Every structure is written in C-alpha cells, then in structure tokens.
Amino acid sequence: MKFRPLGDRVVVKRIQEDTKTAGGIIIPDTAKEKPQEGEVLAVGPGARDEDGERIAMDVEVGDRVLFGKWSGTEVKLDGEDLLIMKESDIMGVIEGKKSSKKAA
C-alpha cells in the first residue's frame, strides 16, 4: 500500500538502537526507551502560507532525522510501525546518513 501524507506531514520509521551499551551491558526490552531517530519514508507537499503559496519542505525521503520523544502519531501500515508527524516536530536532519532504500 502506498501512503501519501498531506500538508506538512512526514512519515517516519523509527531506527532501532543497539541493545548493548558501550561497556557491553545488554539492555532488556523492558528497559529500552523508544528511539528518537528515524528515517523519512514519505513527505507531504508542504504547508500553505497566508497567500495560499506552498512552503517547501526542508526534509526529503531518505533523510535520517531526530524528533521529540512524544512526537507524532503511531500507526501500523502493512504490518510496519510508523510515525506520522508534522515537519515542525522534527528537530533536525542527521547529515551524512542517507538511506539507500526507496520510499513507500
């Protein structure tokens, strides 16, 4: 199934963190926090300003981004857990870490 977000919304897939600490301690699933890093899978066309003109999005498909702990709405599409959030919920793009996978 293809999903196209509207306005300034973005579809993000969380990127799982390592299950070990730098010291080699294994973190159990119950103690893990949800990752705040993800990959952009789909981007809407952008919001509109007061004159009705489209405002271009700063993120694009394949970008690795950081977002707030409680950002977005969790959804399940094709059995995959994804987040749909506004572009303003994204804190920044991690440069130099683009994914080679194609978007949904």
N, C-alpha and C. Protein backbone atom coordinates (compact mmCIF):
# COMPACT_ATOMS: atom_id res chain seq x y z
N MET A 1 0.85 -1.17 0.00
CA MET A 1 0.00 0.00 0.00
C MET A 1 0.90 1.23 0.00
N LYS A 2 0.53 2.22 -0.80
CA LYS A 2 1.26 3.49 -0.80
C LYS A 2 0.49 4.46 0.08
N PHE A 3 1.23 5.31 0.78
CA PHE A 3 0.62 6.30 1.65
C PHE A 3 1.26 7.64 1.34
N ARG A 4 0.44 8.64 1.07
CA ARG A 4 0.93 9.98 0.76
C ARG A 4 0.43 10.93 1.83
N PRO A 5 1.35 11.47 2.65
CA PRO A 5 0.91 12.41 3.70
C PRO A 5 0.47 13.73 3.10
N LEU A 6 -0.42 14.41 3.78
CA LEU A 6 -0.94 15.70 3.31
C LEU A 6 -0.24 16.85 4.02
N GLY A 7 -0.26 18.02 3.40
CA GLY A 7 0.28 19.23 4.02
C GLY A 7 1.74 19.09 4.39
N ASP A 8 2.06 19.51 5.61
CA ASP A 8 3.45 19.47 6.07
C ASP A 8 3.72 18.26 6.95
N ARG A 9 3.05 17.15 6.65
CA ARG A 9 3.24 15.93 7.43
C ARG A 9 4.31 15.05 6.80
N VAL A 10 4.93 14.22 7.65
CA VAL A 10 6.04 13.36 7.25
C VAL A 10 5.80 11.98 7.85
N VAL A 11 6.10 10.92 7.09
CA VAL A 11 6.03 9.55 7.60
C VAL A 11 7.45 9.12 7.94
N VAL A 12 7.65 8.68 9.20
CA VAL A 12 8.98 8.32 9.70
C VAL A 12 8.95 6.91 10.26
N LYS A 13 10.00 6.16 9.96
CA LYS A 13 10.18 4.83 10.55
C LYS A 13 11.29 4.94 11.59
N ARG A 14 10.99 4.52 12.82
CA ARG A 14 12.00 4.58 13.88
C ARG A 14 13.17 3.67 13.53
N ILE A 15 14.38 4.12 13.85
CA ILE A 15 15.59 3.33 13.66
C ILE A 15 15.96 2.75 15.02
N GLN A 16 16.04 1.43 15.08
CA GLN A 16 16.31 0.74 16.34
C GLN A 16 17.74 0.99 16.78
N GLU A 17 17.91 1.24 18.06
CA GLU A 17 19.23 1.45 18.64
C GLU A 17 19.84 0.12 19.03
N ASP A 18 21.14 0.14 19.29
CA ASP A 18 21.84 -1.07 19.73
C ASP A 18 21.26 -1.55 21.06
N THR A 19 21.32 -2.86 21.27
CA THR A 19 20.81 -3.43 22.52
C THR A 19 21.92 -3.55 23.56
N LYS A 20 23.14 -3.09 23.21
CA LYS A 20 24.27 -3.12 24.14
C LYS A 20 24.76 -1.71 24.39
N THR A 21 25.24 -1.48 25.59
CA THR A 21 25.87 -0.20 25.90
C THR A 21 27.32 -0.25 25.44
N ALA A 22 28.00 0.88 25.52
CA ALA A 22 29.41 0.92 25.12
C ALA A 22 30.26 -0.01 25.99
N GLY A 23 29.84 -0.26 27.22
CA GLY A 23 30.56 -1.14 28.13
C GLY A 23 30.23 -2.60 27.95
N GLY A 24 29.31 -2.92 27.02
CA GLY A 24 28.96 -4.31 26.74
C GLY A 24 27.78 -4.84 27.52
N ILE A 25 27.09 -3.99 28.25
CA ILE A 25 25.91 -4.42 29.02
C ILE A 25 24.72 -4.52 28.07
N ILE A 26 24.02 -5.64 28.10
CA ILE A 26 22.85 -5.85 27.24
C ILE A 26 21.63 -5.24 27.92
N ILE A 27 20.91 -4.42 27.17
CA ILE A 27 19.72 -3.74 27.71
C ILE A 27 18.48 -4.57 27.36
N PRO A 28 17.71 -5.01 28.36
CA PRO A 28 16.50 -5.79 28.08
C PRO A 28 15.42 -4.91 27.44
N ASP A 29 14.50 -5.53 26.70
CA ASP A 29 13.43 -4.79 26.01
C ASP A 29 12.60 -3.94 26.96
N THR A 30 12.39 -4.42 28.18
CA THR A 30 11.55 -3.68 29.12
C THR A 30 12.20 -2.38 29.60
N ALA A 31 13.51 -2.28 29.52
CA ALA A 31 14.22 -1.09 29.99
C ALA A 31 14.54 -0.11 28.85
N LYS A 32 14.28 -0.51 27.62
CA LYS A 32 14.61 0.35 26.48
C LYS A 32 13.60 1.47 26.33
N GLU A 33 14.10 2.61 25.89
CA GLU A 33 13.22 3.71 25.51
C GLU A 33 13.03 3.64 24.01
N LYS A 34 11.93 4.21 23.53
CA LYS A 34 11.71 4.24 22.10
C LYS A 34 12.74 5.17 21.47
N PRO A 35 13.31 4.77 20.34
CA PRO A 35 14.32 5.62 19.70
C PRO A 35 13.73 6.94 19.22
N GLN A 36 14.55 7.98 19.25
CA GLN A 36 14.13 9.29 18.79
C GLN A 36 14.80 9.64 17.47
N GLU A 37 15.28 8.61 16.79
CA GLU A 37 15.91 8.78 15.48
C GLU A 37 15.12 7.94 14.49
N GLY A 38 14.95 8.47 13.29
CA GLY A 38 14.19 7.73 12.29
C GLY A 38 14.57 8.11 10.88
N GLU A 39 14.01 7.35 9.95
CA GLU A 39 14.22 7.57 8.53
C GLU A 39 12.92 8.06 7.91
N VAL A 40 13.00 9.11 7.11
CA VAL A 40 11.83 9.67 6.44
C VAL A 40 11.46 8.76 5.27
N LEU A 41 10.22 8.25 5.28
CA LEU A 41 9.75 7.37 4.21
C LEU A 41 8.88 8.10 3.19
N ALA A 42 8.16 9.13 3.62
CA ALA A 42 7.29 9.88 2.71
C ALA A 42 7.13 11.30 3.25
N VAL A 43 6.99 12.24 2.33
CA VAL A 43 6.89 13.66 2.68
C VAL A 43 5.69 14.25 1.95
N GLY A 44 4.90 15.07 2.66
CA GLY A 44 3.78 15.77 2.04
C GLY A 44 4.27 16.91 1.16
N PRO A 45 3.36 17.56 0.45
CA PRO A 45 3.74 18.64 -0.46
C PRO A 45 4.16 19.92 0.25
N GLY A 46 3.85 20.07 1.52
CA GLY A 46 4.21 21.27 2.28
C GLY A 46 2.97 22.05 2.68
N ALA A 47 3.13 22.88 3.69
CA ALA A 47 2.02 23.71 4.17
C ALA A 47 1.81 24.89 3.22
N ARG A 48 0.74 25.61 3.44
CA ARG A 48 0.46 26.81 2.64
C ARG A 48 0.59 28.03 3.54
N ASP A 49 1.12 29.12 2.96
CA ASP A 49 1.22 30.36 3.73
C ASP A 49 -0.09 31.13 3.63
N GLU A 50 -0.12 32.35 4.16
CA GLU A 50 -1.35 33.14 4.20
C GLU A 50 -1.87 33.50 2.81
N ASP A 51 -0.97 33.56 1.83
CA ASP A 51 -1.37 33.88 0.46
C ASP A 51 -1.75 32.65 -0.35
N GLY A 52 -1.68 31.47 0.25
CA GLY A 52 -2.03 30.23 -0.44
C GLY A 52 -0.87 29.60 -1.19
N GLU A 53 0.32 30.18 -1.06
CA GLU A 53 1.51 29.62 -1.73
C GLU A 53 2.07 28.47 -0.90
N ARG A 54 2.59 27.46 -1.60
CA ARG A 54 3.17 26.29 -0.96
C ARG A 54 4.52 26.64 -0.33
N ILE A 55 4.75 26.19 0.90
CA ILE A 55 6.03 26.35 1.57
C ILE A 55 6.77 25.03 1.40
N ALA A 56 7.94 25.06 0.78
CA ALA A 56 8.70 23.84 0.50
C ALA A 56 9.13 23.16 1.80
N MET A 57 9.17 21.84 1.78
CA MET A 57 9.59 21.06 2.95
C MET A 57 11.11 21.05 3.03
N ASP A 58 11.65 21.06 4.27
CA ASP A 58 13.09 21.02 4.48
C ASP A 58 13.64 19.60 4.51
N VAL A 59 12.78 18.60 4.73
CA VAL A 59 13.24 17.22 4.75
C VAL A 59 12.80 16.53 3.47
N GLU A 60 13.50 15.46 3.12
CA GLU A 60 13.14 14.69 1.94
C GLU A 60 13.23 13.21 2.26
N VAL A 61 12.69 12.39 1.39
CA VAL A 61 12.68 10.94 1.58
C VAL A 61 14.12 10.44 1.69
N GLY A 62 14.36 9.60 2.69
CA GLY A 62 15.68 9.03 2.90
C GLY A 62 16.49 9.73 3.97
N ASP A 63 16.09 10.94 4.40
CA ASP A 63 16.81 11.67 5.44
C ASP A 63 16.69 10.93 6.76
N ARG A 64 17.76 10.96 7.56
CA ARG A 64 17.71 10.46 8.94
C ARG A 64 17.51 11.66 9.83
N VAL A 65 16.50 11.60 10.68
CA VAL A 65 16.10 12.76 11.47
C VAL A 65 16.01 12.42 12.95
N LEU A 66 16.08 13.48 13.77
CA LEU A 66 15.83 13.38 15.20
C LEU A 66 14.51 14.07 15.49
N PHE A 67 13.72 13.48 16.38
CA PHE A 67 12.43 14.07 16.73
C PHE A 67 12.19 13.91 18.22
N GLY A 68 11.22 14.64 18.73
CA GLY A 68 10.90 14.62 20.15
C GLY A 68 10.37 13.28 20.61
N LYS A 69 10.53 13.01 21.89
CA LYS A 69 10.12 11.73 22.47
C LYS A 69 8.64 11.44 22.27
N TRP A 70 7.80 12.45 22.35
CA TRP A 70 6.35 12.24 22.25
C TRP A 70 5.79 12.77 20.93
N SER A 71 6.63 12.93 19.93
CA SER A 71 6.20 13.49 18.64
C SER A 71 5.43 12.47 17.81
N GLY A 72 4.51 12.98 17.02
CA GLY A 72 3.83 12.17 16.02
C GLY A 72 2.75 11.25 16.55
N THR A 73 2.10 10.60 15.60
CA THR A 73 1.05 9.63 15.87
C THR A 73 1.52 8.28 15.36
N GLU A 74 1.49 7.28 16.21
CA GLU A 74 1.92 5.95 15.81
C GLU A 74 0.82 5.26 15.02
N VAL A 75 1.19 4.71 13.86
CA VAL A 75 0.26 3.97 13.02
C VAL A 75 0.93 2.68 12.56
N LYS A 76 0.12 1.73 12.11
CA LYS A 76 0.65 0.49 11.56
C LYS A 76 0.15 0.37 10.12
N LEU A 77 1.09 0.41 9.17
CA LEU A 77 0.76 0.28 7.74
C LEU A 77 1.50 -0.93 7.19
N ASP A 78 0.79 -1.84 6.57
CA ASP A 78 1.37 -3.07 6.03
C ASP A 78 2.18 -3.83 7.08
N GLY A 79 1.72 -3.83 8.33
CA GLY A 79 2.39 -4.55 9.40
C GLY A 79 3.64 -3.87 9.93
N GLU A 80 3.89 -2.65 9.51
CA GLU A 80 5.09 -1.92 9.93
C GLU A 80 4.68 -0.75 10.82
N ASP A 81 5.35 -0.60 11.96
CA ASP A 81 5.06 0.51 12.88
C ASP A 81 5.74 1.78 12.38
N LEU A 82 4.93 2.81 12.12
CA LEU A 82 5.44 4.07 11.59
C LEU A 82 4.91 5.23 12.42
N LEU A 83 5.50 6.40 12.23
CA LEU A 83 5.04 7.63 12.86
C LEU A 83 4.64 8.62 11.78
N ILE A 84 3.53 9.30 11.99
CA ILE A 84 3.14 10.41 11.12
C ILE A 84 3.22 11.65 11.99
N MET A 85 4.05 12.62 11.56
CA MET A 85 4.24 13.82 12.36
C MET A 85 4.34 15.03 11.45
N LYS A 86 4.14 16.20 12.04
CA LYS A 86 4.33 17.45 11.31
C LYS A 86 5.83 17.71 11.19
N GLU A 87 6.19 18.42 10.14
CA GLU A 87 7.61 18.73 9.93
C GLU A 87 8.18 19.51 11.11
N SER A 88 7.35 20.31 11.76
CA SER A 88 7.82 21.11 12.90
C SER A 88 8.20 20.25 14.11
N ASP A 89 7.73 18.98 14.16
CA ASP A 89 8.10 18.07 15.25
C ASP A 89 9.51 17.52 15.08
N ILE A 90 10.07 17.66 13.88
CA ILE A 90 11.42 17.17 13.60
C ILE A 90 12.40 18.22 14.07
N MET A 91 13.37 17.79 14.90
CA MET A 91 14.36 18.72 15.44
C MET A 91 15.50 18.99 14.48
N GLY A 92 15.83 18.01 13.65
CA GLY A 92 16.93 18.21 12.71
C GLY A 92 17.22 16.98 11.89
N VAL A 93 18.03 17.19 10.85
CA VAL A 93 18.45 16.11 9.96
C VAL A 93 19.88 15.72 10.32
N ILE A 94 20.14 14.43 10.40
CA ILE A 94 21.50 13.94 10.67
C ILE A 94 22.21 13.88 9.32
N GLU A 95 23.17 14.76 9.12
CA GLU A 95 23.87 14.87 7.84
C GLU A 95 24.79 13.67 7.62
N GLY A 96 24.93 13.28 6.36
CA GLY A 96 25.85 12.21 6.00
C GLY A 96 25.32 10.82 6.26
N LYS A 97 24.04 10.68 6.63
CA LYS A 97 23.46 9.37 6.90
C LYS A 97 22.17 9.20 6.11
N LYS A 98 22.26 9.21 4.79
CA LYS A 98 21.08 8.96 3.97
C LYS A 98 20.93 7.47 3.77
N SER A 99 19.73 7.01 3.72
CA SER A 99 19.45 5.60 3.49
C SER A 99 19.44 5.34 1.99
N SER A 100 19.82 4.13 1.62
CA SER A 100 19.83 3.77 0.20
C SER A 100 18.53 3.12 -0.24
N LYS A 101 17.61 2.87 0.72
CA LYS A 101 16.34 2.23 0.40
C LYS A 101 15.38 3.23 -0.23
N LYS A 102 14.49 2.72 -1.06
CA LYS A 102 13.46 3.55 -1.68
C LYS A 102 12.29 3.73 -0.72
N ALA A 103 11.54 4.80 -0.90
CA ALA A 103 10.43 5.13 -0.01
C ALA A 103 9.15 4.41 -0.39
N ALA A 104 8.20 4.46 0.55
CA ALA A 104 6.87 3.86 0.32
C ALA A 104 6.03 4.77 -0.51
